[in-house]
Protein backbone atom coordinates (compact mmCIF):
# COMPACT_ATOMS: atom_id res chain seq x y z
CA UNK A 1 57.73 128.36 40.37
CA UNK A 2 54.05 127.51 39.95
CA UNK A 3 52.32 126.68 36.68
CA UNK A 4 50.47 130.03 36.59
CA UNK A 5 53.70 131.93 36.98
CA UNK A 6 55.29 129.93 34.19
CA UNK A 7 52.41 130.73 31.78
CA UNK A 8 52.70 134.51 32.26
CA UNK A 9 54.78 136.17 29.52
CA UNK A 10 57.92 137.89 30.81
CA UNK A 11 58.06 141.66 30.82
CA UNK A 12 60.12 143.31 28.14
CA UNK A 13 63.10 144.94 29.92
CA UNK A 14 62.75 147.96 27.69
CA UNK A 15 59.28 148.55 29.14
CA UNK A 16 60.47 148.70 32.81
CA UNK A 17 59.96 152.07 34.41
CA UNK A 18 62.93 151.69 36.73
CA UNK A 19 66.01 150.21 35.22
CA UNK A 20 68.93 149.53 37.65
CA UNK A 21 71.91 147.21 37.92
CA UNK A 22 72.96 144.63 40.50
CA UNK A 23 75.24 146.08 43.13
CA UNK A 24 78.33 144.50 44.60
CA UNK A 25 77.75 141.74 47.18
CA UNK A 26 74.04 141.57 46.29
CA UNK A 27 72.57 138.15 45.67
CA UNK A 28 70.92 137.49 42.34
CA UNK A 29 67.57 136.45 43.92
CA UNK A 30 67.69 139.55 46.06
CA UNK A 31 68.34 141.73 43.00
CA UNK A 32 65.32 140.15 41.30
CA UNK A 33 63.12 140.91 44.34
CA UNK A 34 64.38 144.48 44.50
CA UNK A 35 63.95 145.09 40.75
CA UNK A 36 60.41 143.73 40.83
CA UNK A 37 59.60 145.81 43.94
CA UNK A 38 60.91 149.04 42.39
CA UNK A 39 58.85 148.50 39.21
CA UNK A 40 55.68 147.53 41.08
CA UNK A 41 55.60 143.95 39.89
CA UNK A 42 53.89 141.37 42.11
CA UNK A 43 56.23 138.53 41.15
CA UNK A 44 59.90 138.60 40.21
CA UNK A 45 59.21 135.74 37.81
CA UNK A 46 57.55 138.24 35.49
CA UNK A 47 60.95 139.77 34.83
CA UNK A 48 62.85 138.69 31.78
CA UNK A 49 66.49 139.47 30.94
CA UNK A 50 67.52 143.01 31.84
CA UNK A 51 70.74 144.58 30.63
CA UNK A 52 72.06 141.17 29.58
CA UNK A 53 71.71 139.67 33.09
CA UNK A 54 69.42 136.79 33.90
CA UNK A 55 66.86 137.54 36.61
CA UNK A 56 64.74 134.44 36.08
CA UNK A 57 62.96 132.75 38.97
CA UNK A 58 65.54 131.58 41.53
CA UNK A 59 63.58 128.43 42.33
CA UNK A 60 62.39 127.11 45.67
CA UNK A 61 65.59 127.55 47.74
CA UNK A 62 65.48 128.87 51.31
CA UNK A 63 65.66 132.58 51.80
CA UNK A 64 67.32 134.40 54.73
CA UNK A 65 67.55 138.04 55.65
CA UNK A 66 68.91 140.42 58.25
CA UNK A 67 66.26 142.70 59.75
CA UNK A 68 68.81 145.45 60.48
CA UNK A 69 70.02 145.43 56.87
CA UNK A 70 66.46 145.55 55.45
CA UNK A 71 65.60 148.50 57.72
CA UNK A 72 68.30 150.67 56.16
CA UNK A 73 67.35 153.42 53.64
CA UNK A 74 68.72 151.38 50.70
CA UNK A 75 68.10 147.77 51.72
CA UNK A 76 70.02 145.01 49.97
CA UNK A 77 69.94 141.22 50.24
CA UNK A 78 73.53 140.09 50.57
CA UNK A 79 74.97 137.11 48.73
CA UNK A 80 76.55 135.56 51.89
CA UNK A 81 73.13 135.19 53.51
CA UNK A 82 72.55 132.07 51.48
CA UNK A 83 75.58 130.33 53.02
CA UNK A 84 76.30 129.13 56.52
CA UNK A 85 76.59 130.45 59.12
CA UNK A 86 73.27 132.27 59.28
CA UNK A 87 74.60 135.45 60.89
CA UNK A 88 75.15 139.08 60.02
CA UNK A 89 78.61 140.08 61.20
CA UNK A 90 77.96 143.81 60.69
CA UNK A 91 74.96 143.95 63.06
CA UNK A 92 75.94 140.98 65.25
CA UNK A 93 72.61 139.27 64.92
CA UNK A 94 71.09 136.11 63.52
CA UNK A 95 69.39 136.00 60.15
CA UNK A 96 65.67 135.31 59.80
CA UNK A 97 64.12 132.60 57.61
CA UNK A 98 60.54 132.38 58.93
CA UNK A 99 57.62 134.62 58.02
CA UNK A 100 56.30 136.41 61.15
CA UNK A 101 52.74 136.14 59.82
CA UNK A 102 52.22 132.59 58.53
CA UNK A 103 55.17 131.16 60.55
CA UNK A 104 56.35 129.20 57.54
CA UNK A 105 59.91 128.85 56.41
CA UNK A 106 60.42 131.35 53.62
CA UNK A 107 61.75 130.60 50.16
CA UNK A 108 62.58 132.82 47.23
CA UNK A 109 59.26 131.81 45.62
CA UNK A 110 57.12 132.88 48.59
CA UNK A 111 58.98 136.13 49.34
CA UNK A 112 58.46 139.63 48.12
CA UNK A 113 61.08 142.27 48.73
CA UNK A 114 60.02 143.32 52.24
CA UNK A 115 57.04 141.04 52.81
CA UNK A 116 55.72 137.54 52.42
CA UNK A 117 53.11 136.55 49.87
CA UNK A 118 50.72 136.16 52.79
CA UNK A 119 50.93 139.92 53.20
CA UNK A 120 52.87 140.03 56.49
CA UNK A 121 55.78 142.46 56.69
CA UNK A 122 59.18 140.89 57.25
CA UNK A 123 60.17 143.87 59.42
CA UNK A 124 57.53 143.29 62.09
CA UNK A 125 59.83 141.27 64.37
CA UNK A 126 62.64 142.43 66.63
CA UNK A 127 65.25 139.84 65.53
CA UNK A 128 67.75 137.80 67.52
CA UNK A 129 71.06 139.33 68.52
CA UNK A 130 74.09 137.25 69.44
CA UNK A 131 74.52 135.99 72.96
CA UNK A 132 77.47 137.27 74.98
CA UNK A 133 79.24 133.96 74.48
CA UNK A 134 78.93 134.11 70.70
CA UNK A 135 80.07 137.75 70.69
CA UNK A 136 83.16 136.81 72.69
CA UNK A 137 83.75 133.75 70.53
CA UNK A 138 83.65 135.66 67.22
CA UNK A 139 85.24 138.95 68.27
CA UNK A 140 88.08 137.89 70.59
CA UNK A 141 91.53 138.19 69.07
CA UNK A 142 93.36 135.01 68.15
CA UNK A 143 96.19 134.21 70.59
CA UNK A 144 98.61 131.79 68.89
CA UNK A 145 100.48 131.05 72.10
CA UNK A 146 97.40 130.39 74.23
CA UNK A 147 96.17 127.06 75.53
CA UNK A 148 92.40 127.63 75.59
CA UNK A 149 89.85 128.41 72.92
CA UNK A 150 91.30 131.93 72.12
CA UNK A 151 94.16 130.32 70.19
CA UNK A 152 91.64 128.82 67.73
CA UNK A 153 90.98 130.68 64.47
CA UNK A 154 87.49 132.17 64.10
CA UNK A 155 86.39 129.53 61.62
CA UNK A 156 87.61 126.73 63.92
CA UNK A 157 85.75 128.25 66.87
CA UNK A 158 82.48 128.18 64.95
CA UNK A 159 82.94 124.58 63.85
CA UNK A 160 83.81 123.43 67.36
CA UNK A 161 80.82 125.29 68.82
CA UNK A 162 78.56 123.71 66.21
CA UNK A 163 79.88 120.23 67.01
CA UNK A 164 79.50 120.71 70.76
CA UNK A 165 75.97 122.07 70.35
CA UNK A 166 75.00 119.11 68.13
CA UNK A 167 76.40 116.68 70.70
CA UNK A 168 74.61 118.48 73.49
CA UNK A 169 71.25 118.28 71.69
CA UNK A 170 71.40 115.03 69.72
CA UNK A 171 74.12 112.98 71.41
CA UNK A 172 76.31 110.62 69.40
CA UNK A 173 73.52 108.60 67.82
CA UNK A 174 71.51 109.49 64.74
CA UNK A 175 74.25 111.47 62.90
CA UNK A 176 74.03 114.66 64.97
CA UNK A 177 75.95 116.89 62.55
CA UNK A 178 73.87 115.77 59.57
CA UNK A 179 70.69 116.54 61.47
CA UNK A 180 72.09 119.91 62.49
CA UNK A 181 73.08 120.83 58.92
CA UNK A 182 69.50 120.40 57.68
CA UNK A 183 68.01 122.51 60.46
CA UNK A 184 66.48 125.99 60.26
CA UNK A 185 68.15 129.19 61.44
CA UNK A 186 66.42 128.83 64.79
CA UNK A 187 67.86 125.36 65.35
CA UNK A 188 71.30 126.52 64.21
CA UNK A 189 71.06 129.44 66.64
CA UNK A 190 70.21 127.09 69.50
CA UNK A 191 73.08 124.72 68.65
CA UNK A 192 75.71 127.46 68.28
CA UNK A 193 74.53 129.26 71.41
CA UNK A 194 74.76 126.08 73.45
CA UNK A 195 78.14 125.18 71.93
CA UNK A 196 79.58 128.64 72.61
CA UNK A 197 78.44 128.45 76.23
CA UNK A 198 80.21 125.09 76.54
CA UNK A 199 83.41 126.41 74.99
CA UNK A 200 83.57 129.52 77.17
CA UNK A 201 82.47 127.76 80.35
CA UNK A 202 84.60 125.94 82.86
CA UNK A 203 86.47 122.81 81.69
CA UNK A 204 84.03 120.77 83.74
CA UNK A 205 81.20 121.72 81.35
CA UNK A 206 82.77 119.76 78.49
CA UNK A 207 83.60 116.95 80.92
CA UNK A 208 79.94 116.81 81.91
CA UNK A 209 78.95 116.78 78.23
CA UNK A 210 81.25 113.82 77.51
CA UNK A 211 79.84 112.06 80.56
CA UNK A 212 76.31 112.52 79.24
CA UNK A 213 76.91 111.49 75.63
CA UNK A 214 79.08 108.42 76.28
CA UNK A 215 77.53 105.11 75.38
CA UNK A 216 75.94 103.04 78.15
CA UNK A 217 75.74 99.91 75.99
CA UNK A 218 77.71 96.91 77.19
CA UNK A 219 79.11 96.02 80.62
CA UNK A 220 79.99 99.05 82.72
CA UNK A 221 82.04 97.10 85.26
CA UNK A 222 85.10 96.87 83.03
CA UNK A 223 87.37 99.22 81.13
CA UNK A 224 86.15 100.38 77.73
CA UNK A 225 88.02 101.75 74.76
CA UNK A 226 87.34 105.30 73.64
CA UNK A 227 85.76 103.96 70.47
CA UNK A 228 83.34 101.88 72.54
CA UNK A 229 82.44 104.66 74.97
CA UNK A 230 82.13 107.32 72.23
CA UNK A 231 81.15 105.50 69.02
CA UNK A 232 81.87 107.56 65.94
CA UNK A 233 83.32 110.53 67.82
CA UNK A 234 86.92 110.22 66.65
CA UNK A 235 86.00 109.90 62.92
CA UNK A 236 83.66 112.86 63.41
CA UNK A 237 86.49 114.97 64.79
CA UNK A 238 88.79 114.03 61.93
CA UNK A 239 86.16 114.80 59.30
CA UNK A 240 84.48 117.94 60.68
CA UNK A 241 87.27 119.84 62.43
CA UNK A 242 90.56 121.26 61.27
CA UNK A 243 93.82 120.61 63.05
CA UNK A 244 93.40 123.43 65.61
CA UNK A 245 89.87 122.53 66.61
CA UNK A 246 90.65 118.84 66.69
CA UNK A 247 93.66 119.35 68.97
CA UNK A 248 91.67 121.56 71.34
CA UNK A 249 88.79 119.12 71.67
CA UNK A 250 91.15 116.12 71.91
CA UNK A 251 92.87 117.75 74.89
CA UNK A 252 89.52 117.79 76.71
CA UNK A 253 88.83 114.20 75.69
CA UNK A 254 92.27 113.15 76.96
CA UNK A 255 91.60 114.86 80.30
CA UNK A 256 88.27 113.05 80.53
CA UNK A 257 89.90 109.70 79.81
CA UNK A 258 92.61 110.38 82.41
CA UNK A 259 90.03 111.33 85.03
CA UNK A 260 87.92 108.27 84.23
CA UNK A 261 90.74 106.03 85.42
CA UNK A 262 89.70 106.89 88.98
CA UNK A 263 86.13 105.53 88.58
CA UNK A 264 84.80 101.99 88.47
CA UNK A 265 84.31 101.93 84.68
CA UNK A 266 87.32 103.71 83.13
CA UNK A 267 87.70 104.70 79.51
CA UNK A 268 91.09 103.96 77.96
CA UNK A 269 92.87 104.44 74.67
CA UNK A 270 93.84 101.50 72.55
CA UNK A 271 97.35 102.67 71.69
CA UNK A 272 98.39 105.94 73.26
CA UNK A 273 100.96 107.06 75.79
CA UNK A 274 98.24 107.52 78.41
CA UNK A 275 97.01 103.97 77.79
CA UNK A 276 100.44 102.37 78.19
CA UNK A 277 101.23 104.44 81.28
CA UNK A 278 98.20 103.03 83.09
CA UNK A 279 98.84 99.42 82.12
CA UNK A 280 100.23 96.76 84.41
CA UNK A 281 103.51 96.52 82.48
CA UNK A 282 104.36 100.23 82.73
CA UNK A 283 103.25 100.38 86.36
CA UNK A 284 105.36 97.33 87.20
CA UNK A 285 108.42 98.90 85.56
CA UNK A 286 107.93 102.19 87.42
CA UNK A 287 107.54 100.35 90.74
CA UNK A 288 110.36 97.89 90.13
CA UNK A 289 108.20 94.78 90.31
CA UNK A 290 106.83 92.14 87.99
CA UNK A 291 103.64 93.18 86.15
CA UNK A 292 101.91 90.03 87.39
CA UNK A 293 102.15 91.31 90.98
CA UNK A 294 100.54 94.70 90.30
CA UNK A 295 97.00 93.36 90.52
CA UNK A 296 97.57 91.31 93.68
CA UNK A 297 99.34 94.19 95.44
CA UNK A 298 96.47 96.51 94.56
CA UNK A 299 94.01 94.04 96.07
CA UNK A 300 95.96 94.12 99.35
CA UNK A 301 95.33 97.88 99.45
CA UNK A 302 91.59 97.37 99.00
CA UNK A 303 91.56 98.35 95.30
CA UNK A 304 90.20 95.94 92.73
CA UNK A 305 91.85 96.77 89.39
CA UNK A 306 89.55 96.73 86.40
CA UNK A 307 90.51 95.73 82.91
CA UNK A 308 89.33 94.66 79.53
CA UNK A 309 89.69 91.52 77.46
CA UNK A 310 91.32 91.96 74.05
CA UNK A 311 90.03 90.11 70.97
CA UNK A 312 92.94 87.69 71.37
CA UNK A 313 91.79 86.82 74.90
CA UNK A 314 94.41 88.74 76.91
CA UNK A 315 93.30 90.65 80.00
CA UNK A 316 94.63 94.20 80.12
CA UNK A 317 94.60 95.69 83.65
CA UNK A 318 94.05 99.41 84.07
CA UNK A 319 95.58 101.09 87.15
CA UNK A 320 94.50 104.59 88.16
CA UNK A 321 97.20 107.22 88.87
CA UNK A 322 96.06 107.50 92.50
CA UNK A 323 96.38 103.74 92.88
CA UNK A 324 99.89 103.89 91.38
CA UNK A 325 100.89 106.45 94.01
CA UNK A 326 99.43 104.26 96.75
CA UNK A 327 101.32 101.28 95.37
CA UNK A 328 104.54 103.30 95.28
CA UNK A 329 104.04 104.45 98.87
CA UNK A 330 103.18 100.91 99.89
CA UNK A 331 106.33 99.55 98.25
CA UNK A 332 108.43 102.13 100.08
CA UNK A 333 106.71 101.30 103.36
CA UNK A 334 106.74 97.52 103.03
CA UNK A 335 109.28 95.51 105.02
CA UNK A 336 109.87 91.80 105.01
CA UNK A 337 109.28 89.98 108.26
CA UNK A 338 112.99 89.44 108.76
CA UNK A 339 113.88 93.09 108.14
CA UNK A 340 111.09 94.25 110.47
CA UNK A 341 112.33 91.87 113.18
CA UNK A 342 115.86 93.28 112.89
CA UNK A 343 114.64 96.88 112.96
CA UNK A 344 111.97 96.81 115.65
CA UNK A 345 112.85 93.80 117.81
CA UNK A 346 109.75 91.71 117.08
CA UNK A 347 109.95 88.17 115.81
CA UNK A 348 107.95 87.28 112.66
CA UNK A 349 105.47 85.03 114.56
CA UNK A 350 104.74 87.85 117.02
CA UNK A 351 104.19 90.28 114.15
CA UNK A 352 101.68 87.84 112.68
CA UNK A 353 99.78 87.88 115.99
CA UNK A 354 99.88 91.70 116.18
CA UNK A 355 98.70 91.99 112.56
CA UNK A 356 95.73 89.73 113.27
CA UNK A 357 94.91 91.83 116.34
CA UNK A 358 95.00 95.03 114.26
CA UNK A 359 98.00 96.60 115.97
CA UNK A 360 100.09 96.63 112.77
CA UNK A 361 99.25 96.42 109.06
CA UNK A 362 100.23 93.66 106.67
CA UNK A 363 101.50 94.50 103.18
CA UNK A 364 101.56 91.37 101.08
CA UNK A 365 104.07 88.96 102.60
CA UNK A 366 105.59 91.70 104.78
CA UNK A 367 104.40 94.39 107.15
CA UNK A 368 104.01 98.15 107.05
CA UNK A 369 107.06 99.79 108.61
CA UNK A 370 105.02 102.90 109.36
CA UNK A 371 102.42 100.92 111.32
CA UNK A 372 105.10 99.20 113.45
CA UNK A 373 106.87 102.52 114.07
CA UNK A 374 103.53 104.06 115.06
CA UNK A 375 102.97 101.20 117.55
CA UNK A 376 106.41 101.81 119.07
CA UNK A 377 105.62 105.53 119.35
CA UNK A 378 102.27 104.83 121.03
CA UNK A 379 103.94 102.62 123.61
CA UNK A 380 106.70 105.21 124.13
CA UNK A 381 104.07 107.88 124.81
CA UNK A 382 103.21 105.96 128.01
CA UNK A 383 106.82 106.03 129.25
CA UNK A 384 107.27 107.26 132.82
CA UNK A 385 109.92 107.01 135.55
CA UNK A 386 110.16 103.69 137.41
CA UNK A 387 109.94 103.27 141.13
CA UNK A 388 112.75 101.69 143.11
CA UNK A 389 110.64 98.61 143.76
CA UNK A 390 110.17 97.92 140.06
CA UNK A 391 113.35 98.87 138.26
CA UNK A 392 113.40 98.47 134.45
CA UNK A 393 115.34 95.24 134.28
CA UNK A 394 114.20 93.96 130.86
CA UNK A 395 113.65 95.42 127.43
CA UNK A 396 110.27 94.76 125.89
CA UNK A 397 111.97 92.43 123.41
CA UNK A 398 113.55 90.45 126.27
CA UNK A 399 110.28 90.37 128.21
CA UNK A 400 108.53 88.87 125.20
CA UNK A 401 111.23 86.28 124.70
CA UNK A 402 111.54 85.28 128.36
CA UNK A 403 108.07 85.77 129.80
CA UNK A 404 105.39 86.05 127.11
CA UNK A 405 104.20 83.20 124.87
CA UNK A 406 103.73 84.14 121.21
CA UNK A 407 99.97 83.78 121.44
CA UNK A 408 99.83 86.34 124.28
CA UNK A 409 101.91 89.01 122.55
CA UNK A 410 98.85 91.18 122.01
CA UNK A 411 98.06 91.07 125.74
CA UNK A 412 101.43 92.56 126.63
CA UNK A 413 101.05 95.28 123.99
CA UNK A 414 97.56 96.12 125.28
CA UNK A 415 98.93 96.28 128.84
CA UNK A 416 101.66 98.66 127.70
CA UNK A 417 99.23 100.87 125.79
CA UNK A 418 96.80 101.29 128.70
CA UNK A 419 99.55 101.76 131.27
CA UNK A 420 98.94 98.51 133.16
CA UNK A 421 102.68 97.78 132.81
CA UNK A 422 105.00 100.71 133.39
CA UNK A 423 107.44 101.36 130.56
CA UNK A 424 110.56 103.48 130.31
CA UNK A 425 112.39 104.68 127.21
CA UNK A 426 116.06 105.38 126.63
CA UNK A 427 115.26 108.32 124.34
CA UNK A 428 112.37 110.53 123.34
CA UNK A 429 112.14 108.79 119.97
CA UNK A 430 112.85 105.08 120.44
CA UNK A 431 113.58 103.16 117.26
CA UNK A 432 112.16 99.84 118.43
CA UNK A 433 111.12 97.70 121.34
CA UNK A 434 114.78 97.21 122.27
CA UNK A 435 114.79 100.82 123.45
CA UNK A 436 111.79 100.34 125.75
CA UNK A 437 112.16 98.81 129.21
CA UNK A 438 109.71 97.16 131.59
CA UNK A 439 109.95 95.69 135.06
CA UNK A 440 110.17 91.93 135.26
CA UNK A 441 107.83 91.58 138.24
CA UNK A 442 105.25 94.00 136.82
CA UNK A 443 105.12 92.15 133.51
CA UNK A 444 104.74 88.82 135.29
CA UNK A 445 101.98 90.14 137.54
CA UNK A 446 99.88 91.56 134.67
CA UNK A 447 100.28 88.51 132.45
CA UNK A 448 99.88 86.03 135.33
CA UNK A 449 103.32 84.52 134.76
CA UNK A 450 104.45 82.29 137.68
CA UNK A 451 107.46 83.47 139.63
CA UNK A 452 110.61 81.43 140.09
CA UNK A 453 110.23 79.20 143.18
CA UNK A 454 112.10 80.23 146.26
CA UNK A 455 115.38 78.43 146.94
CA UNK A 456 116.12 77.75 143.25
CA UNK A 457 118.98 79.30 141.35
CA UNK A 458 119.42 79.44 137.61
CA UNK A 459 122.65 77.97 136.35
CA UNK A 460 124.16 81.46 135.71
CA UNK A 461 123.18 82.46 139.26
CA UNK A 462 124.62 79.19 140.64
CA UNK A 463 127.89 79.87 138.79
CA UNK A 464 128.06 83.28 140.46
CA UNK A 465 127.37 81.75 143.88
CA UNK A 466 130.18 79.19 143.36
CA UNK A 467 132.57 81.70 141.84
CA UNK A 468 132.92 79.59 138.72
CA UNK A 469 132.45 80.05 135.04
CA UNK A 470 129.13 78.92 133.58
CA UNK A 471 130.79 76.32 131.35
CA UNK A 472 132.41 74.69 134.41
CA UNK A 473 129.11 74.78 136.29
CA UNK A 474 127.33 73.04 133.38
CA UNK A 475 130.06 70.37 133.41
CA UNK A 476 129.61 69.78 137.13
CA UNK A 477 125.86 69.33 136.58
CA UNK A 478 126.46 66.89 133.73
CA UNK A 479 128.80 64.82 135.94
CA UNK A 480 126.16 64.74 138.69
CA UNK A 481 128.36 66.53 141.16
CA UNK A 482 125.87 69.39 141.41
CA UNK A 483 122.21 68.23 141.47
CA UNK A 484 119.73 70.11 139.27
CA UNK A 485 116.01 70.02 138.45
CA UNK A 486 113.78 71.03 135.51
CA UNK A 487 111.00 73.52 136.14
CA UNK A 488 108.53 75.40 133.84
CA UNK A 489 108.65 79.09 134.60
CA UNK A 490 106.33 81.13 132.41
CA UNK A 491 106.74 80.02 128.83
CA UNK A 492 110.13 78.39 129.33
CA UNK A 493 111.35 75.04 130.71
CA UNK A 494 114.69 75.68 132.42
CA UNK A 495 117.17 73.82 134.64
CA UNK A 496 117.63 75.11 138.18
CA UNK A 497 119.89 74.31 141.12
CA UNK A 498 118.79 74.38 144.74
CA UNK A 499 120.61 76.83 146.94
CA UNK A 500 121.05 74.09 149.55
CA UNK A 501 122.79 71.85 147.02
CA UNK A 502 125.18 74.70 146.24
CA UNK A 503 126.12 74.88 149.90
CA UNK A 504 126.60 71.11 150.07
CA UNK A 505 128.84 71.21 147.02
CA UNK A 506 130.97 73.91 148.65
CA UNK A 507 131.51 71.73 151.70
CA UNK A 508 132.36 68.49 149.85
CA UNK A 509 134.28 69.74 146.83
CA UNK A 510 136.96 72.37 146.40
CA UNK A 511 138.81 73.65 143.37
CA UNK A 512 142.33 72.24 143.31
CA UNK A 513 143.73 75.62 142.39
CA UNK A 514 142.44 77.26 145.57
CA UNK A 515 143.75 74.42 147.79
CA UNK A 516 147.17 74.47 146.14
CA UNK A 517 147.42 78.21 146.50
CA UNK A 518 146.52 77.96 150.19
CA UNK A 519 149.27 75.37 150.63
CA UNK A 520 151.86 77.47 148.82
CA UNK A 521 152.08 75.11 145.84
CA UNK A 522 152.33 76.37 142.30
CA UNK A 523 149.81 75.48 139.62
CA UNK A 524 152.26 73.20 137.74
CA UNK A 525 152.90 71.06 140.82
CA UNK A 526 149.26 71.13 142.05
CA UNK A 527 148.26 67.70 140.63
CA UNK A 528 151.37 65.95 141.95
CA UNK A 529 150.89 67.65 145.31
CA UNK A 530 147.25 66.51 145.51
CA UNK A 531 148.18 62.91 144.70
CA UNK A 532 151.00 62.96 147.26
CA UNK A 533 148.62 64.40 149.85
CA UNK A 534 146.10 61.64 149.16
CA UNK A 535 143.39 63.96 147.74
CA UNK A 536 140.83 62.42 145.38
CA UNK A 537 140.68 64.17 141.96
CA UNK A 538 137.00 64.10 140.98
CA UNK A 539 137.14 66.06 137.70
CA UNK A 540 139.75 67.86 135.65
CA UNK A 541 141.63 67.92 132.32
CA UNK A 542 143.36 64.61 132.92
CA UNK A 543 140.26 62.99 134.41
CA UNK A 544 137.33 63.92 132.13
CA UNK A 545 138.66 66.81 130.05
CA UNK A 546 137.13 69.36 132.35
CA UNK A 547 138.68 72.81 132.29
CA UNK A 548 139.29 72.82 136.05
CA UNK A 549 140.31 70.27 138.71
CA UNK A 550 138.06 69.58 141.68
CA UNK A 551 138.87 67.37 144.63
CA UNK A 552 136.72 65.71 147.25
CA UNK A 553 137.86 66.94 150.63
CA UNK A 554 137.12 66.41 154.30
CA UNK A 555 137.10 69.25 156.72
CA UNK A 556 139.17 67.22 159.20
CA UNK A 557 141.87 66.36 156.71
CA UNK A 558 142.96 69.25 154.54
CA UNK A 559 146.60 69.83 153.61
CA UNK A 560 148.01 73.08 154.93
CA UNK A 561 151.18 75.05 154.41
CA UNK A 562 154.07 73.55 156.43
CA UNK A 563 156.90 75.48 158.07
CA UNK A 564 159.31 72.73 157.08
CA UNK A 565 160.23 71.60 153.65
CA UNK A 566 157.34 69.05 153.65
CA UNK A 567 154.30 70.87 152.20
CA UNK A 568 151.92 67.94 152.65
CA UNK A 569 151.63 67.90 156.44
CA UNK A 570 148.05 67.42 157.56
CA UNK A 571 146.21 68.88 160.50
CA UNK A 572 146.41 65.63 162.49
C-alpha cells in the first residue's frame, strides 16, 4: 500500500455501521473489499481488525474476478480465483484481471469492490466464455479404457493443453512454460485454447506441431536423436506432466519418430525398441543376412540409408520400415545367376547382357526372378501357330546356344517381342525359355546367321546316312577313312562331312558284320572267314580297338554264299 494509506489511522471495528463475517469459500482480500464497500469506505486499508479477524491490506498481488459471479445479487470473490487455472467452473468462463477503463492489470491495491480506482466499473465488459474445445476437454467423462485424450484425468488434460499451447506459441527455446506461467489471464486463455484445439484435433495436428518446433540446428542430412531434434522436451515432460499425460504425449512423439524414418532426416531414439528395430543389426537378423550388407542392398534398390555417428565414432544406419519391406521382397525375389539359369534356361553371361539392355533387373550379385518371369510371359504373349514351312524345331534356349552369340542375345529377345520371329509355347503359362519354340530358319534369317552349306552333313547326320553309331563315325573320321572339314556356321565352328565322301566310303568300305551275314557266316567266325577270303581288315577291335570291323572291298570280288560246303567262293 502507498505511504498515504499507511499514515491513515485504521477504523475502530466497533464504529462500523455494517458488521458482517467472512463467508465460506470467500477470499480474505475479497472480504476486505466487500466489508469496505458495505460501510462506504474508499479504501479497505482503512479497516482494522474486525471480530478478531485480520482484514489488513492484502498487498500488491494480482486480482481476478468472474463477471457472472459479481453480477449476482450477493456477489462474492472466491478464494480459488487467486490460483491457476484462471477459470470459473460454475459459469464456464474465463476470469478477468484487467480494468476495462484504464486497461491496466488489476491488483488488490487498485481495486474497489465492483470498480477500479480509476472509476471504471468492472461489470462493463461481456467476459470470455470457454471455447467448445475447452468445454469438451473439461466436461467429458474420463474413460479409463480409452486410447485418446478422454482417458486422461481432468487435471492432466489441463496440463497437457497448457504445455501444447506453450509449445505452439513459444517453441522449445526460451523456457516456454516459465514464460507462460508469468502471463496474464488473456495469455493463459490463448495458450489453453490453442492447446485444447490441438488435443481435440486430428492426430496430424500434433504431428505438425512437433514438425514446427523441432530444432533445425546442425546437419539435416543425417539421423538425429530425439534429444537433438527436441532439446529439453523430454525433461519438460517428466517435470510438468503426470504419468497419464506423459504417456499420452509420448505416444504421439513415438508416432512422429516412427513416421520420420521415411524422410531424409529421420529422428531416432537412443535406446528404445523402435530405435533397435530400425537399426542395421535388427534388420539384418529379420532378413537373414549380415548387418554389413543391409546398406549395400538398400543402395541397389535406389535407397541411400542415412545414419548418425556416435561419440565413439561408430556409424549407426537407420532403415525405414518401408525400406525394410522392400528389402524383404527383394530378398525373396533375388536369384543367383546359377539358380536363374536352371529355372529359366538362360546362361549367366546372357542374363548379364539382358540386364544391361534393361530386359531384366539385377539384384546385387543375382537377378530378379520376377523380372525374368515377366520377360518369359511377354515373349509367350506373342505365341502363335507355326506354318508348315517353318516348324518349331528349336527351343529358345537351344536357338541361343546354337545360333546366337552371347553379345546378340538382346537382338533375339527384341525379335521375339516384336513378332519378327514366330514363337510357339507348349502351355499357356510357360515356366522358362525351354518351353518356348522357334523355327531354325526364321531365327537365322532375322539374325543374319549363315546357313549350312549345301552338300555338307554334320557328323550325326553322316552317322544316320551310313547307318552307324556316332562313336563309330567319329572313329572313322579320326582314322582318315571318312574325310571331314571344319566350317564356321553362325557362332559355332563344327566338323562336317561331304555327302559325296559318304557315298565314296559306302562303295570302298563295308562293315564286316553285314558281309558275313550275307555270306551266311556267324559273327564269331566272321574274322577268320574274312582272312580266309582274302579281305583286308581296315579297322576293328583287334586292329585299332574300334568297336566295329570294316573291310576294304572291291565290287568285282566280294565273297558270296556258296551252295557247297566252301563258303568263300568268289564271283569269278
